[in-house]
Protein backbone atom coordinates (compact mmCIF):
# COMPACT_ATOMS: atom_id res chain seq x y z
CA MET A 1 130.47 111.59 144.18
CA ASN A 2 126.81 111.19 143.21
CA ASN A 3 125.70 107.72 144.33
CA VAL A 4 122.44 106.53 145.90
CA THR A 5 121.18 103.16 147.17
CA LEU A 6 117.48 102.70 147.97
CA ILE A 7 115.21 99.85 149.07
CA GLY A 8 111.48 100.28 148.73
CA ARG A 9 108.29 99.25 146.95
CA TRP A 10 106.91 100.44 143.61
CA VAL A 11 103.79 102.58 144.16
CA ARG A 12 102.27 101.85 140.73
CA GLU A 13 102.77 99.72 137.63
CA ASN A 14 105.86 100.51 135.57
CA GLU A 15 105.52 103.08 132.78
CA MET A 16 107.49 101.81 129.78
CA LYS A 17 108.15 103.72 126.57
CA ASN A 18 110.53 103.64 123.65
CA ALA A 19 112.28 106.93 122.83
CA GLY A 20 114.27 106.73 119.62
CA GLY A 21 115.11 103.04 120.09
CA THR A 22 115.99 103.42 123.79
CA VAL A 23 113.71 101.66 126.26
CA ILE A 24 112.83 103.89 129.23
CA VAL A 25 110.94 102.64 132.28
CA LYS A 26 109.75 105.02 135.02
CA ASN A 27 108.17 104.39 138.39
CA THR A 28 108.02 105.84 141.90
CA LEU A 29 109.65 104.08 144.83
CA ALA A 30 108.19 104.36 148.34
CA VAL A 31 111.08 104.28 150.82
CA ASP A 32 110.24 103.99 154.53
CA HIS A 33 111.93 106.27 157.04
CA PRO A 34 113.86 104.21 159.61
CA PHE A 35 112.92 106.31 162.66
CA LYS A 36 109.46 107.59 161.73
CA LYS A 37 106.66 105.06 161.82
CA ASP A 38 104.18 105.31 158.94
CA ASP A 39 106.33 107.87 157.05
CA SER A 40 107.79 107.35 153.58
CA SER A 41 109.60 109.28 150.86
CA PHE A 42 108.38 108.90 147.29
CA ILE A 43 111.28 108.94 144.83
CA ARG A 44 111.00 108.91 141.04
CA VAL A 45 113.21 106.27 139.39
CA VAL A 46 114.18 106.05 135.72
CA MET A 47 115.65 102.85 134.21
CA PHE A 48 117.09 102.37 130.74
CA VAL A 49 117.48 99.52 128.25
CA LYS A 50 117.83 96.01 129.77
CA THR A 51 117.52 97.20 133.38
CA GLY A 52 114.16 98.76 132.55
CA GLU A 53 112.99 95.83 130.43
CA LEU A 54 113.72 93.32 133.20
CA ALA A 55 112.20 95.53 135.90
CA ASN A 56 109.06 95.86 133.77
CA GLN A 57 108.91 92.10 133.18
CA TYR A 58 109.53 90.93 136.76
CA THR A 59 108.23 93.71 139.00
CA GLY A 60 105.11 95.80 139.35
CA LYS A 61 103.04 97.73 141.85
CA GLY A 62 103.97 96.65 145.39
CA SER A 63 107.16 94.80 144.38
CA GLN A 64 110.12 95.35 146.68
CA VAL A 65 113.35 96.31 144.91
CA ALA A 66 116.81 97.65 145.72
CA ILE A 67 118.10 100.40 143.41
CA ILE A 68 121.64 101.66 142.91
CA GLY A 69 122.05 104.78 140.81
CA HIS A 70 122.69 108.50 140.81
CA ILE A 71 120.57 111.60 141.32
CA GLN A 72 119.80 113.75 138.31
CA THR A 73 118.03 117.10 138.44
CA GLY A 74 116.35 118.87 135.57
CA SER A 75 113.61 121.29 134.62
CA TYR A 76 111.00 121.91 131.96
CA GLU A 77 108.40 124.55 131.07
CA LYS A 78 104.74 123.90 131.91
CA ASP A 79 101.88 126.39 131.72
CA GLY A 80 104.32 129.30 131.50
CA GLY A 81 106.25 128.28 134.61
CA LYS A 82 109.37 126.28 135.24
CA VAL A 83 109.01 122.86 136.89
CA PHE A 84 112.08 121.36 138.59
CA THR A 85 112.59 117.59 138.77
CA THR A 86 114.76 115.23 140.79
CA ASP A 87 115.09 111.61 139.65
CA VAL A 88 117.24 108.61 140.50
CA ILE A 89 118.76 107.16 137.34
CA ALA A 90 119.09 103.44 138.12
CA SER A 91 122.28 101.73 137.06
CA SER A 92 121.48 98.50 138.94
CA ILE A 93 118.35 96.89 140.33
CA LYS A 94 117.87 93.89 142.59
CA PHE A 95 114.50 92.17 142.70
CA LEU A 96 113.65 91.44 146.33
CA ASP A 97 110.31 89.92 145.31
CA SER A 98 108.38 89.87 142.04
CA LYS A 99 104.95 90.39 140.54
CA ASN A 100 105.04 86.84 139.14
CA SER A 101 105.73 85.22 142.56
CA GLN A 102 109.03 83.86 141.30
CA PRO A 103 111.96 83.53 143.72
CA ALA A 104 113.86 86.77 144.24
CA ASN A 105 116.96 87.29 142.12
CA ASP A 106 120.14 87.35 144.22
CA THR A 107 122.13 89.44 141.75
CA PHE A 108 121.89 93.01 140.59
CA VAL A 109 120.93 93.73 137.00
CA ASN A 110 123.42 96.33 135.80
CA ASN A 111 122.97 98.15 132.53
CA ALA A 112 123.82 101.80 133.08
CA PRO A 113 123.22 104.06 130.06
CA LYS A 114 126.07 105.93 128.46
CA GLU A 115 126.20 109.59 129.48
CA GLU A 116 125.39 110.77 125.94
CA GLU A 117 122.24 108.58 125.90
CA VAL A 118 120.96 110.29 129.06
CA GLU A 119 121.62 113.80 127.76
CA ASP A 120 119.76 113.19 124.48
CA LEU A 121 116.50 112.07 126.08
CA PRO A 122 113.45 114.32 125.71
CA PHE A 123 112.58 114.72 129.41
């Protein structure tokens, strides 16, 4: 089973793009370590379609969110060498606060992409 749940804060503004009619939003989540003070992991998160659109609209740099998704690894060529990637593909997001100072949403936004949509993406 490949399942991950994370709570953290976005480290930058969301990066939104449209690839062949599919909305893709990327960001990096800073997740604190429970037993190490002042230590965090920085995890790349990719969101698709409505999940990404809502995350882009209601969250931004510094916003606290909870993510449910799965880990996806990949690779690409850069400058003659192979670069390996590890991302969390978000299937659900919960807004724990927002960039617009609106009350936090108590429900998860769930809009997981179909497997064939993920495989056809150019990254």
